């Protein structure tokens, strides 16, 4: 076959076939009497092999090695291609996200676009101080989508606090975007989502926080429980008691239980839950002391009866704590 026919059948232009020949990648098997290139069936198969390897992202030099070196093994090269492709996808994904954030800001002109780019670059700065400054000073200029993305990836506590502050003042739309973070495979991202949701006021947020009570990570559950406790949601009681037992933010958890106990029926439920955990054989002495202390701000007969019984507890620390709390209750 002559070069024109090969080009038509293979879909590779005659110019590219000549380029392959100049690189030594493909040489026609013969020449006609007039000197035209003549390609055999094997030559055409080699063309298809070249194009197949090009489709994987191999360079022409790598393709030559793959086809001509009998000792060539593809595994290392394929692994490298995978790494390059992942890096390229990540870069393209970041570019797409940046373009979407700029589009969400509805820029009126190129000056607005450049300003949005500057803000987004500051949010992605390696300097924590720069990220914090833009969160505090440019809240009205940052698209909600950009703030959510920034807060979900932020590890610096001061910057994260500034971003949560900015989100709380950014208006509608942030709750649904933050809720997407609750589905992240990363517990750290889910924790950031919960902490950010906790600073938003609407009822939709409360429902999202309730969902987070079932999170597999205890830290995430704890942040959700603390937020719900301050909102008067009794569903948080079991998780708050778990925090006291574990000694994780136990003072805050006890305070939240005290707030919830302003409702009489909830107070009895809380006291019963604390007493139940005190009775567990596997509850450590330090945890029993924290559980006893947590009864201090729980009103009602259930809590009082529990403290009377605990004042005779064989653990001296528990007994003394219970006796002291009973004195305070009597003084009231």
C-alpha atoms as a PDB file:
ATOM      1  CA  UNK A   1       0.000   0.000   0.000  1.00  0.00           C
ATOM      2  CA  UNK A   2       1.153   3.495  -0.766  1.00  0.00           C
ATOM      3  CA  UNK A   3       1.270   6.200   1.880  1.00  0.00           C
ATOM      4  CA  UNK A   4      -2.036   7.816   0.844  1.00  0.00           C
ATOM      5  CA  UNK A   5      -3.973   4.587   1.171  1.00  0.00           C
ATOM      6  CA  UNK A   6      -2.309   3.759   4.495  1.00  0.00           C
ATOM      7  CA  UNK A   7      -3.253   7.215   5.785  1.00  0.00           C
ATOM      8  CA  UNK A   8      -6.902   6.685   4.769  1.00  0.00           C
ATOM      9  CA  UNK A   9      -7.127   3.231   6.342  1.00  0.00           C
ATOM     10  CA  UNK A  10      -5.261   4.002   9.561  1.00  0.00           C
ATOM     11  CA  UNK A  11      -6.507   7.519  10.197  1.00  0.00           C
ATOM     12  CA  UNK A  12      -2.889   8.687  10.614  1.00  0.00           C
ATOM     13  CA  UNK A  13      -1.982  11.546   8.310  1.00  0.00           C
ATOM     14  CA  UNK A  14       0.708  11.146   5.678  1.00  0.00           C
ATOM     15  CA  UNK A  15       2.624  13.947   7.361  1.00  0.00           C
ATOM     16  CA  UNK A  16       2.629  12.048  10.677  1.00  0.00           C
ATOM     17  CA  UNK A  17       3.705   8.829   8.916  1.00  0.00           C
ATOM     18  CA  UNK A  18       6.687  10.709   7.454  1.00  0.00           C
ATOM     19  CA  UNK A  19       7.433  12.073  10.948  1.00  0.00           C
ATOM     20  CA  UNK A  20       7.435   8.539  12.359  1.00  0.00           C
ATOM     21  CA  UNK A  21       9.858   7.539   9.629  1.00  0.00           C
ATOM     22  CA  UNK A  22      12.179  10.471  10.375  1.00  0.00           C
ATOM     23  CA  UNK A  23      12.348   9.305  13.994  1.00  0.00           C
ATOM     24  CA  UNK A  24      13.082   5.725  12.999  1.00  0.00           C
ATOM     25  CA  UNK A  25       9.815   4.635  14.583  1.00  0.00           C
ATOM     26  CA  UNK A  26       8.275   3.283  11.373  1.00  0.00           C
ATOM     27  CA  UNK A  27      10.054   2.397   8.155  1.00  0.00           C
ATOM     28  CA  UNK A  28       8.107   1.268   5.065  1.00  0.00           C
ATOM     29  CA  UNK A  29       9.183  -2.201   3.988  1.00  0.00           C
ATOM     30  CA  UNK A  30       9.750  -1.280   0.352  1.00  0.00           C
ATOM     31  CA  UNK A  31       9.691   1.234  -2.459  1.00  0.00           C
ATOM     32  CA  UNK A  32       7.919   1.162  -5.765  1.00  0.00           C
ATOM     33  CA  UNK A  33       9.824   1.412  -9.034  1.00  0.00           C
ATOM     34  CA  UNK A  34       9.059   5.113  -8.980  1.00  0.00           C
ATOM     35  CA  UNK A  35      10.506   5.459  -5.461  1.00  0.00           C
ATOM     36  CA  UNK A  36       7.218   5.810  -3.558  1.00  0.00           C
ATOM     37  CA  UNK A  37       6.961   4.362  -0.072  1.00  0.00           C
ATOM     38  CA  UNK A  38       5.249   0.993   0.041  1.00  0.00           C
ATOM     39  CA  UNK A  39       3.859  -0.356   3.309  1.00  0.00           C
ATOM     40  CA  UNK A  40       3.332  -4.023   4.080  1.00  0.00           C
ATOM     41  CA  UNK A  41       0.696  -5.580   6.332  1.00  0.00           C
ATOM     42  CA  UNK A  42       3.250  -5.733   9.171  1.00  0.00           C
ATOM     43  CA  UNK A  43       3.960  -2.015   8.700  1.00  0.00           C
ATOM     44  CA  UNK A  44       0.266  -1.211   9.039  1.00  0.00           C
ATOM     45  CA  UNK A  45       0.007  -3.350  12.192  1.00  0.00           C
ATOM     46  CA  UNK A  46       2.971  -1.442  13.638  1.00  0.00           C
ATOM     47  CA  UNK A  47       1.130   1.827  12.940  1.00  0.00           C
ATOM     48  CA  UNK A  48      -1.839   0.611  14.946  1.00  0.00           C
ATOM     49  CA  UNK A  49       0.494  -0.483  17.762  1.00  0.00           C
ATOM     50  CA  UNK A  50       2.058   2.985  17.790  1.00  0.00           C
ATOM     51  CA  UNK A  51      -1.325   4.699  17.941  1.00  0.00           C
ATOM     52  CA  UNK A  52      -2.534   2.384  20.709  1.00  0.00           C
ATOM     53  CA  UNK A  53       0.482   3.210  22.866  1.00  0.00           C
ATOM     54  CA  UNK A  54       0.090   6.928  22.109  1.00  0.00           C
ATOM     55  CA  UNK A  55      -3.461   6.702  23.434  1.00  0.00           C
ATOM     56  CA  UNK A  56      -1.993   5.654  26.804  1.00  0.00           C
ATOM     57  CA  UNK A  57       0.097   8.805  26.949  1.00  0.00           C
ATOM     58  CA  UNK A  58       3.489   7.326  26.001  1.00  0.00           C
ATOM     59  CA  UNK A  59       5.925   9.599  24.215  1.00  0.00           C
ATOM     60  CA  UNK A  60       7.181   8.565  20.769  1.00  0.00           C
ATOM     61  CA  UNK A  61      10.568   7.783  22.294  1.00  0.00           C
ATOM     62  CA  UNK A  62       8.941   5.499  24.870  1.00  0.00           C
ATOM     63  CA  UNK A  63       6.894   3.849  22.139  1.00  0.00           C
ATOM     64  CA  UNK A  64      10.070   3.102  20.166  1.00  0.00           C
ATOM     65  CA  UNK A  65      11.607   1.414  23.208  1.00  0.00           C
ATOM     66  CA  UNK A  66       8.445  -0.552  23.895  1.00  0.00           C
ATOM     67  CA  UNK A  67       8.246  -1.897  20.345  1.00  0.00           C
ATOM     68  CA  UNK A  68      11.928  -2.518  19.620  1.00  0.00           C
ATOM     69  CA  UNK A  69      13.548  -3.499  22.936  1.00  0.00           C
ATOM     70  CA  UNK A  70      12.944  -7.230  23.624  1.00  0.00           C
ATOM     71  CA  UNK A  71      13.874  -6.757  27.282  1.00  0.00           C
ATOM     72  CA  UNK A  72      11.531  -3.846  27.838  1.00  0.00           C
ATOM     73  CA  UNK A  73       9.052  -4.361  30.695  1.00  0.00           C
ATOM     74  CA  UNK A  74       5.980  -2.129  30.776  1.00  0.00           C
ATOM     75  CA  UNK A  75       5.165  -2.245  34.490  1.00  0.00           C
ATOM     76  CA  UNK A  76       7.438   0.606  35.642  1.00  0.00           C
ATOM     77  CA  UNK A  77       6.425   2.782  32.712  1.00  0.00           C
ATOM     78  CA  UNK A  78       2.721   2.137  33.269  1.00  0.00           C
ATOM     79  CA  UNK A  79       3.107   2.998  36.976  1.00  0.00           C
ATOM     80  CA  UNK A  80       4.785   6.252  35.983  1.00  0.00           C
ATOM     81  CA  UNK A  81       1.992   7.000  33.529  1.00  0.00           C
ATOM     82  CA  UNK A  82      -0.552   6.422  36.280  1.00  0.00           C
ATOM     83  CA  UNK A  83       1.237   8.933  38.528  1.00  0.00           C
ATOM     84  CA  UNK A  84       1.453  11.498  35.732  1.00  0.00           C
ATOM     85  CA  UNK A  85      -2.204  11.036  34.843  1.00  0.00           C
ATOM     86  CA  UNK A  86      -3.321  11.424  38.453  1.00  0.00           C
ATOM     87  CA  UNK A  87      -1.283  14.605  38.803  1.00  0.00           C
ATOM     88  CA  UNK A  88      -2.752  15.960  35.574  1.00  0.00           C
ATOM     89  CA  UNK A  89      -6.306  15.112  36.682  1.00  0.00           C
ATOM     90  CA  UNK A  90      -5.701  16.787  40.044  1.00  0.00           C
ATOM     91  CA  UNK A  91      -4.406  19.919  38.327  1.00  0.00           C
ATOM     92  CA  UNK A  92      -7.332  19.990  35.903  1.00  0.00           C
ATOM     93  CA  UNK A  93      -9.798  19.412  38.735  1.00  0.00           C
ATOM     94  CA  UNK A  94      -8.296  22.298  40.692  1.00  0.00           C
ATOM     95  CA  UNK A  95      -8.507  24.523  37.614  1.00  0.00           C
ATOM     96  CA  UNK A  96     -12.154  23.556  37.067  1.00  0.00           C
ATOM     97  CA  UNK A  97     -12.974  24.271  40.714  1.00  0.00           C
ATOM     98  CA  UNK A  98     -11.274  27.667  40.495  1.00  0.00           C
ATOM     99  CA  UNK A  99     -13.186  28.559  37.349  1.00  0.00           C
ATOM    100  CA  UNK A 100     -16.455  27.529  38.969  1.00  0.00           C
ATOM    101  CA  UNK A 101     -15.705  29.647  42.022  1.00  0.00           C
ATOM    102  CA  UNK A 102     -14.970  32.659  39.831  1.00  0.00           C
ATOM    103  CA  UNK A 103     -18.148  32.040  37.853  1.00  0.00           C
ATOM    104  CA  UNK A 104     -20.151  31.811  41.099  1.00  0.00           C
ATOM    105  CA  UNK A 105     -18.872  35.274  42.041  1.00  0.00           C
ATOM    106  CA  UNK A 106     -20.521  36.618  38.852  1.00  0.00           C
ATOM    107  CA  UNK A 107     -17.683  38.956  37.846  1.00  0.00           C
ATOM    108  CA  UNK A 108     -18.810  41.995  35.882  1.00  0.00           C
ATOM    109  CA  UNK A 109     -15.490  42.614  34.137  1.00  0.00           C
ATOM    110  CA  UNK A 110     -11.887  41.454  33.992  1.00  0.00           C
ATOM    111  CA  UNK A 111     -10.991  43.583  37.000  1.00  0.00           C
ATOM    112  CA  UNK A 112     -13.474  41.557  39.044  1.00  0.00           C
ATOM    113  CA  UNK A 113     -11.990  38.338  37.666  1.00  0.00           C
ATOM    114  CA  UNK A 114      -8.477  39.398  38.663  1.00  0.00           C
ATOM    115  CA  UNK A 115      -9.677  40.367  42.131  1.00  0.00           C
ATOM    116  CA  UNK A 116     -11.386  36.985  42.534  1.00  0.00           C
ATOM    117  CA  UNK A 117      -8.207  35.223  41.417  1.00  0.00           C
ATOM    118  CA  UNK A 118      -6.179  37.178  43.983  1.00  0.00           C
ATOM    119  CA  UNK A 119      -8.587  36.215  46.771  1.00  0.00           C
ATOM    120  CA  UNK A 120      -8.573  32.551  45.764  1.00  0.00           C
ATOM    121  CA  UNK A 121      -4.782  32.517  45.586  1.00  0.00           C
ATOM    122  CA  UNK A 122      -4.630  34.017  49.080  1.00  0.00           C
ATOM    123  CA  UNK A 123      -6.941  31.299  50.379  1.00  0.00           C
ATOM    124  CA  UNK A 124      -4.552  28.733  48.921  1.00  0.00           C
ATOM    125  CA  UNK A 125      -1.418  30.450  50.206  1.00  0.00           C
ATOM    126  CA  UNK A 126       1.187  28.466  52.127  1.00  0.00           C
ATOM    127  CA  UNK A 127       1.166  31.266  54.700  1.00  0.00           C
ATOM    128  CA  UNK A 128      -1.381  30.720  57.461  1.00  0.00           C
ATOM    129  CA  UNK A 129      -1.329  34.455  58.209  1.00  0.00           C
ATOM    130  CA  UNK A 130      -2.240  35.274  54.602  1.00  0.00           C
ATOM    131  CA  UNK A 131      -5.103  32.774  54.636  1.00  0.00           C
ATOM    132  CA  UNK A 132      -6.389  34.186  57.899  1.00  0.00           C
ATOM    133  CA  UNK A 133      -6.201  37.787  56.642  1.00  0.00           C
ATOM    134  CA  UNK A 134      -8.261  37.086  53.546  1.00  0.00           C
ATOM    135  CA  UNK A 135     -10.848  35.139  55.561  1.00  0.00           C
ATOM    136  CA  UNK A 136     -11.302  38.067  57.952  1.00  0.00           C
ATOM    137  CA  UNK A 137     -11.026  40.984  55.531  1.00  0.00           C
ATOM    138  CA  UNK A 138     -12.553  39.785  52.272  1.00  0.00           C
ATOM    139  CA  UNK A 139     -15.595  37.880  53.478  1.00  0.00           C
ATOM    140  CA  UNK A 140     -17.933  39.737  51.111  1.00  0.00           C
ATOM    141  CA  UNK A 141     -15.664  39.056  48.140  1.00  0.00           C
ATOM    142  CA  UNK A 142     -15.170  35.305  48.569  1.00  0.00           C
ATOM    143  CA  UNK A 143     -17.690  32.912  46.969  1.00  0.00           C
ATOM    144  CA  UNK A 144     -19.349  30.602  49.490  1.00  0.00           C
ATOM    145  CA  UNK A 145     -18.056  27.586  47.544  1.00  0.00           C
ATOM    146  CA  UNK A 146     -14.470  28.800  48.000  1.00  0.00           C
ATOM    147  CA  UNK A 147     -14.942  29.368  51.738  1.00  0.00           C
ATOM    148  CA  UNK A 148     -16.401  25.894  52.206  1.00  0.00           C
ATOM    149  CA  UNK A 149     -13.588  24.256  50.266  1.00  0.00           C
ATOM    150  CA  UNK A 150     -11.029  26.235  52.258  1.00  0.00           C
ATOM    151  CA  UNK A 151     -12.491  25.418  55.679  1.00  0.00           C
ATOM    152  CA  UNK A 152     -12.767  21.708  54.875  1.00  0.00           C
ATOM    153  CA  UNK A 153      -9.061  21.485  54.066  1.00  0.00           C
ATOM    154  CA  UNK A 154      -7.748  23.928  56.689  1.00  0.00           C
ATOM    155  CA  UNK A 155      -5.599  22.381  59.437  1.00  0.00           C
ATOM    156  CA  UNK A 156      -4.447  25.563  61.202  1.00  0.00           C
ATOM    157  CA  UNK A 157      -6.887  26.190  64.094  1.00  0.00           C
ATOM    158  CA  UNK A 158      -6.658  29.992  63.897  1.00  0.00           C
ATOM    159  CA  UNK A 159      -7.273  30.089  60.159  1.00  0.00           C
ATOM    160  CA  UNK A 160     -10.072  27.533  60.505  1.00  0.00           C
ATOM    161  CA  UNK A 161     -11.735  29.743  63.127  1.00  0.00           C
ATOM    162  CA  UNK A 162     -11.541  32.749  60.815  1.00  0.00           C
ATOM    163  CA  UNK A 163     -13.000  30.747  57.944  1.00  0.00           C
ATOM    164  CA  UNK A 164     -15.877  29.497  60.113  1.00  0.00           C
ATOM    165  CA  UNK A 165     -16.542  33.103  61.148  1.00  0.00           C
ATOM    166  CA  UNK A 166     -16.617  34.128  57.498  1.00  0.00           C
ATOM    167  CA  UNK A 167     -18.934  31.264  56.577  1.00  0.00           C
ATOM    168  CA  UNK A 168     -21.381  32.168  59.339  1.00  0.00           C
ATOM    169  CA  UNK A 169     -21.691  35.614  57.739  1.00  0.00           C
ATOM    170  CA  UNK A 170     -21.745  34.498  54.138  1.00  0.00           C
ATOM    171  CA  UNK A 171     -25.501  33.962  53.829  1.00  0.00           C
ATOM    172  CA  UNK A 172     -27.462  31.050  52.423  1.00  0.00           C
ATOM    173  CA  UNK A 173     -25.983  28.067  50.661  1.00  0.00           C
ATOM    174  CA  UNK A 174     -23.122  27.131  52.959  1.00  0.00           C
ATOM    175  CA  UNK A 175     -25.042  24.503  54.962  1.00  0.00           C
ATOM    176  CA  UNK A 176     -25.722  22.248  51.980  1.00  0.00           C
ATOM    177  CA  UNK A 177     -22.136  22.545  50.778  1.00  0.00           C
ATOM    178  CA  UNK A 178     -20.713  21.793  54.225  1.00  0.00           C
ATOM    179  CA  UNK A 179     -23.039  18.810  54.530  1.00  0.00           C
ATOM    180  CA  UNK A 180     -21.279  17.274  51.540  1.00  0.00           C
ATOM    181  CA  UNK A 181     -18.152  17.217  53.703  1.00  0.00           C
ATOM    182  CA  UNK A 182     -19.941  14.895  56.120  1.00  0.00           C
ATOM    183  CA  UNK A 183     -19.672  12.189  53.473  1.00  0.00           C
ATOM    184  CA  UNK A 184     -15.912  12.495  53.135  1.00  0.00           C
ATOM    185  CA  UNK A 185     -13.826   9.353  53.773  1.00  0.00           C
ATOM    186  CA  UNK A 186     -11.531  11.543  55.886  1.00  0.00           C
ATOM    187  CA  UNK A 187     -12.540  11.893  59.545  1.00  0.00           C
ATOM    188  CA  UNK A 188     -10.624  15.187  59.717  1.00  0.00           C
ATOM    189  CA  UNK A 189     -12.720  16.645  56.893  1.00  0.00           C
ATOM    190  CA  UNK A 190     -15.944  15.433  58.532  1.00  0.00           C
ATOM    191  CA  UNK A 191     -14.867  17.029  61.815  1.00  0.00           C
ATOM    192  CA  UNK A 192     -14.228  20.367  60.065  1.00  0.00           C
ATOM    193  CA  UNK A 193     -17.629  20.128  58.408  1.00  0.00           C
ATOM    194  CA  UNK A 194     -19.372  19.527  61.745  1.00  0.00           C
ATOM    195  CA  UNK A 195     -17.531  22.346  63.497  1.00  0.00           C
ATOM    196  CA  UNK A 196     -18.435  24.735  60.675  1.00  0.00           C
ATOM    197  CA  UNK A 197     -22.076  23.627  60.629  1.00  0.00           C
ATOM    198  CA  UNK A 198     -22.240  24.166  64.390  1.00  0.00           C
ATOM    199  CA  UNK A 199     -21.725  27.905  63.886  1.00  0.00           C
ATOM    200  CA  UNK A 200     -24.625  28.249  61.442  1.00  0.00           C
ATOM    201  CA  UNK A 201     -28.048  29.051  62.906  1.00  0.00           C
ATOM    202  CA  UNK A 202     -30.775  27.497  60.754  1.00  0.00           C
ATOM    203  CA  UNK A 203     -32.915  24.398  61.347  1.00  0.00           C
ATOM    204  CA  UNK A 204     -31.408  22.573  58.375  1.00  0.00           C
ATOM    205  CA  UNK A 205     -28.083  22.607  60.223  1.00  0.00           C
ATOM    206  CA  UNK A 206     -29.642  20.886  63.244  1.00  0.00           C
ATOM    207  CA  UNK A 207     -30.817  18.040  61.024  1.00  0.00           C
ATOM    208  CA  UNK A 208     -27.326  17.692  59.534  1.00  0.00           C
ATOM    209  CA  UNK A 209     -25.785  17.610  62.997  1.00  0.00           C
ATOM    210  CA  UNK A 210     -28.214  14.892  64.053  1.00  0.00           C
ATOM    211  CA  UNK A 211     -26.968  12.795  61.134  1.00  0.00           C
ATOM    212  CA  UNK A 212     -23.393  13.305  62.361  1.00  0.00           C
ATOM    213  CA  UNK A 213     -24.266  11.638  65.684  1.00  0.00           C
ATOM    214  CA  UNK A 214     -24.005   8.338  63.784  1.00  0.00           C
ATOM    215  CA  UNK A 215     -20.534   9.096  62.441  1.00  0.00           C
ATOM    216  CA  UNK A 216     -18.041   6.235  62.964  1.00  0.00           C
ATOM    217  CA  UNK A 217     -15.464   8.647  64.405  1.00  0.00           C
ATOM    218  CA  UNK A 218     -15.864   9.526  68.086  1.00  0.00           C
ATOM    219  CA  UNK A 219     -14.388  13.025  67.672  1.00  0.00           C
ATOM    220  CA  UNK A 220     -16.867  13.887  64.923  1.00  0.00           C
ATOM    221  CA  UNK A 221     -19.753  12.536  67.020  1.00  0.00           C
ATOM    222  CA  UNK A 222     -18.523  14.574  69.971  1.00  0.00           C
ATOM    223  CA  UNK A 223     -18.477  17.888  68.110  1.00  0.00           C
ATOM    224  CA  UNK A 224     -21.961  17.187  66.761  1.00  0.00           C
ATOM    225  CA  UNK A 225     -23.235  16.300  70.249  1.00  0.00           C
ATOM    226  CA  UNK A 226     -21.813  19.475  71.816  1.00  0.00           C
ATOM    227  CA  UNK A 227     -23.423  21.614  69.123  1.00  0.00           C
ATOM    228  CA  UNK A 228     -26.766  19.856  69.482  1.00  0.00           C
ATOM    229  CA  UNK A 229     -26.622  20.088  73.270  1.00  0.00           C
ATOM    230  CA  UNK A 230     -26.373  23.874  73.090  1.00  0.00           C
ATOM    231  CA  UNK A 231     -29.385  23.817  70.734  1.00  0.00           C
ATOM    232  CA  UNK A 232     -31.461  21.854  73.224  1.00  0.00           C
ATOM    233  CA  UNK A 233     -31.555  18.627  71.188  1.00  0.00           C
ATOM    234  CA  UNK A 234     -31.907  15.675  73.586  1.00  0.00           C
ATOM    235  CA  UNK A 235     -30.736  13.181  70.946  1.00  0.00           C
ATOM    236  CA  UNK A 236     -27.213  14.264  71.869  1.00  0.00           C
ATOM    237  CA  UNK A 237     -27.424  12.833  75.420  1.00  0.00           C
ATOM    238  CA  UNK A 238     -25.881   9.370  74.747  1.00  0.00           C
ATOM    239  CA  UNK A 239     -22.937  10.830  72.832  1.00  0.00           C
ATOM    240  CA  UNK A 240     -22.329  13.440  75.556  1.00  0.00           C
ATOM    241  CA  UNK A 241     -22.270  10.711  78.215  1.00  0.00           C
ATOM    242  CA  UNK A 242     -19.818   8.744  76.056  1.00  0.00           C
ATOM    243  CA  UNK A 243     -17.546  11.804  76.010  1.00  0.00           C
ATOM    244  CA  UNK A 244     -17.583  12.000  79.802  1.00  0.00           C
ATOM    245  CA  UNK A 245     -16.702   8.324  80.089  1.00  0.00           C
ATOM    246  CA  UNK A 246     -13.878   8.704  77.572  1.00  0.00           C
ATOM    247  CA  UNK A 247     -12.567  11.875  79.228  1.00  0.00           C
ATOM    248  CA  UNK A 248     -12.723  13.738  75.905  1.00  0.00           C
ATOM    249  CA  UNK A 249     -14.000  17.312  76.297  1.00  0.00           C
ATOM    250  CA  UNK A 250     -15.792  15.935  79.331  1.00  0.00           C
ATOM    251  CA  UNK A 251     -16.237  19.336  81.004  1.00  0.00           C
ATOM    252  CA  UNK A 252     -17.910  20.757  77.897  1.00  0.00           C
ATOM    253  CA  UNK A 253     -20.036  17.623  77.633  1.00  0.00           C
ATOM    254  CA  UNK A 254     -21.152  17.952  81.263  1.00  0.00           C
ATOM    255  CA  UNK A 255     -22.022  21.623  80.674  1.00  0.00           C
ATOM    256  CA  UNK A 256     -24.104  20.633  77.636  1.00  0.00           C
ATOM    257  CA  UNK A 257     -25.941  18.019  79.712  1.00  0.00           C
ATOM    258  CA  UNK A 258     -26.616  20.671  82.332  1.00  0.00           C
ATOM    259  CA  UNK A 259     -28.188  22.897  79.671  1.00  0.00           C
ATOM    260  CA  UNK A 260     -30.337  20.052  78.378  1.00  0.00           C
ATOM    261  CA  UNK A 261     -31.434  19.223  81.930  1.00  0.00           C
ATOM    262  CA  UNK A 262     -33.502  22.410  82.116  1.00  0.00           C
ATOM    263  CA  UNK A 263     -36.293  20.224  80.728  1.00  0.00           C
ATOM    264  CA  UNK A 264     -37.606  17.944  83.498  1.00  0.00           C
ATOM    265  CA  UNK A 265     -38.132  14.832  81.390  1.00  0.00           C
ATOM    266  CA  UNK A 266     -34.712  15.260  79.770  1.00  0.00           C
ATOM    267  CA  UNK A 267     -33.110  15.734  83.205  1.00  0.00           C
ATOM    268  CA  UNK A 268     -34.454  12.353  84.347  1.00  0.00           C
ATOM    269  CA  UNK A 269     -33.237  10.750  81.134  1.00  0.00           C
ATOM    270  CA  UNK A 270     -29.768  12.222  81.622  1.00  0.00           C
ATOM    271  CA  UNK A 271     -29.584  11.115  85.266  1.00  0.00           C
ATOM    272  CA  UNK A 272     -30.670   7.609  84.323  1.00  0.00           C
ATOM    273  CA  UNK A 273     -28.029   7.457  81.600  1.00  0.00           C
ATOM    274  CA  UNK A 274     -25.277   8.598  83.956  1.00  0.00           C
ATOM    275  CA  UNK A 275     -26.350   6.089  86.622  1.00  0.00           C
ATOM    276  CA  UNK A 276     -26.444   3.286  84.064  1.00  0.00           C
ATOM    277  CA  UNK A 277     -22.867   3.982  82.999  1.00  0.00           C
ATOM    278  CA  UNK A 278     -21.763   4.202  86.633  1.00  0.00           C
ATOM    279  CA  UNK A 279     -23.110   0.699  87.158  1.00  0.00           C
ATOM    280  CA  UNK A 280     -21.118  -0.855  84.305  1.00  0.00           C
ATOM    281  CA  UNK A 281     -18.450  -3.216  85.600  1.00  0.00           C
ATOM    282  CA  UNK A 282     -16.003  -2.078  82.920  1.00  0.00           C
ATOM    283  CA  UNK A 283     -16.290   1.641  83.733  1.00  0.00           C
ATOM    284  CA  UNK A 284     -12.908   2.805  85.041  1.00  0.00           C
ATOM    285  CA  UNK A 285     -12.551   4.599  88.357  1.00  0.00           C
ATOM    286  CA  UNK A 286     -11.603   7.905  86.724  1.00  0.00           C
ATOM    287  CA  UNK A 287     -14.654   7.693  84.457  1.00  0.00           C
ATOM    288  CA  UNK A 288     -16.912   6.952  87.430  1.00  0.00           C
ATOM    289  CA  UNK A 289     -15.593  10.081  89.139  1.00  0.00           C
ATOM    290  CA  UNK A 290     -16.370  12.180  86.035  1.00  0.00           C
ATOM    291  CA  UNK A 291     -19.857  10.674  85.753  1.00  0.00           C
ATOM    292  CA  UNK A 292     -20.549  11.475  89.402  1.00  0.00           C
ATOM    293  CA  UNK A 293     -19.372  15.044  88.915  1.00  0.00           C
ATOM    294  CA  UNK A 294     -21.654  15.359  85.869  1.00  0.00           C
ATOM    295  CA  UNK A 295     -24.668  14.757  88.156  1.00  0.00           C
ATOM    296  CA  UNK A 296     -23.964  18.114  89.831  1.00  0.00           C
ATOM    297  CA  UNK A 297     -26.036  20.184  87.404  1.00  0.00           C
ATOM    298  CA  UNK A 298     -28.799  17.637  86.814  1.00  0.00           C
ATOM    299  CA  UNK A 299     -31.911  18.523  88.814  1.00  0.00           C
ATOM    300  CA  UNK A 300     -34.599  16.114  89.926  1.00  0.00           C
ATOM    301  CA  UNK A 301     -35.198  13.151  92.162  1.00  0.00           C
ATOM    302  CA  UNK A 302     -33.385  10.616  89.978  1.00  0.00           C
ATOM    303  CA  UNK A 303     -30.098  12.526  90.211  1.00  0.00           C
ATOM    304  CA  UNK A 304     -30.531  13.171  93.965  1.00  0.00           C
ATOM    305  CA  UNK A 305     -31.196   9.505  94.734  1.00  0.00           C
ATOM    306  CA  UNK A 306     -28.183   8.521  92.648  1.00  0.00           C
ATOM    307  CA  UNK A 307     -25.944  10.905  94.604  1.00  0.00           C
ATOM    308  CA  UNK A 308     -27.218   9.541  97.941  1.00  0.00           C
ATOM    309  CA  UNK A 309     -26.328   6.014  96.859  1.00  0.00           C
ATOM    310  CA  UNK A 310     -22.980   7.107  95.453  1.00  0.00           C
ATOM    311  CA  UNK A 311     -22.057   8.794  98.750  1.00  0.00           C
ATOM    312  CA  UNK A 312     -21.613   5.237 100.098  1.00  0.00           C
ATOM    313  CA  UNK A 313     -19.651   4.048  97.069  1.00  0.00           C
ATOM    314  CA  UNK A 314     -16.588   1.876  97.860  1.00  0.00           C
ATOM    315  CA  UNK A 315     -14.496   4.219  95.692  1.00  0.00           C
ATOM    316  CA  UNK A 316     -13.558   6.961  98.164  1.00  0.00           C
ATOM    317  CA  UNK A 317     -13.177   9.636  95.441  1.00  0.00           C
ATOM    318  CA  UNK A 318     -16.664   8.909  94.117  1.00  0.00           C
ATOM    319  CA  UNK A 319     -18.175   8.820  97.602  1.00  0.00           C
ATOM    320  CA  UNK A 320     -16.603  12.150  98.645  1.00  0.00           C
ATOM    321  CA  UNK A 321     -17.650  13.824  95.389  1.00  0.00           C
ATOM    322  CA  UNK A 322     -21.237  12.588  95.777  1.00  0.00           C
ATOM    323  CA  UNK A 323     -21.392  13.713  99.424  1.00  0.00           C
ATOM    324  CA  UNK A 324     -20.093  17.170  98.514  1.00  0.00           C
ATOM    325  CA  UNK A 325     -22.616  17.532  95.691  1.00  0.00           C
ATOM    326  CA  UNK A 326     -25.425  16.535  98.043  1.00  0.00           C
ATOM    327  CA  UNK A 327     -24.362  19.294 100.438  1.00  0.00           C
ATOM    328  CA  UNK A 328     -24.511  21.806  97.593  1.00  0.00           C
ATOM    329  CA  UNK A 329     -27.983  20.596  96.623  1.00  0.00           C
ATOM    330  CA  UNK A 330     -29.190  20.919 100.233  1.00  0.00           C
ATOM    331  CA  UNK A 331     -27.752  24.424 100.435  1.00  0.00           C
ATOM    332  CA  UNK A 332     -29.796  25.424  97.397  1.00  0.00           C
END
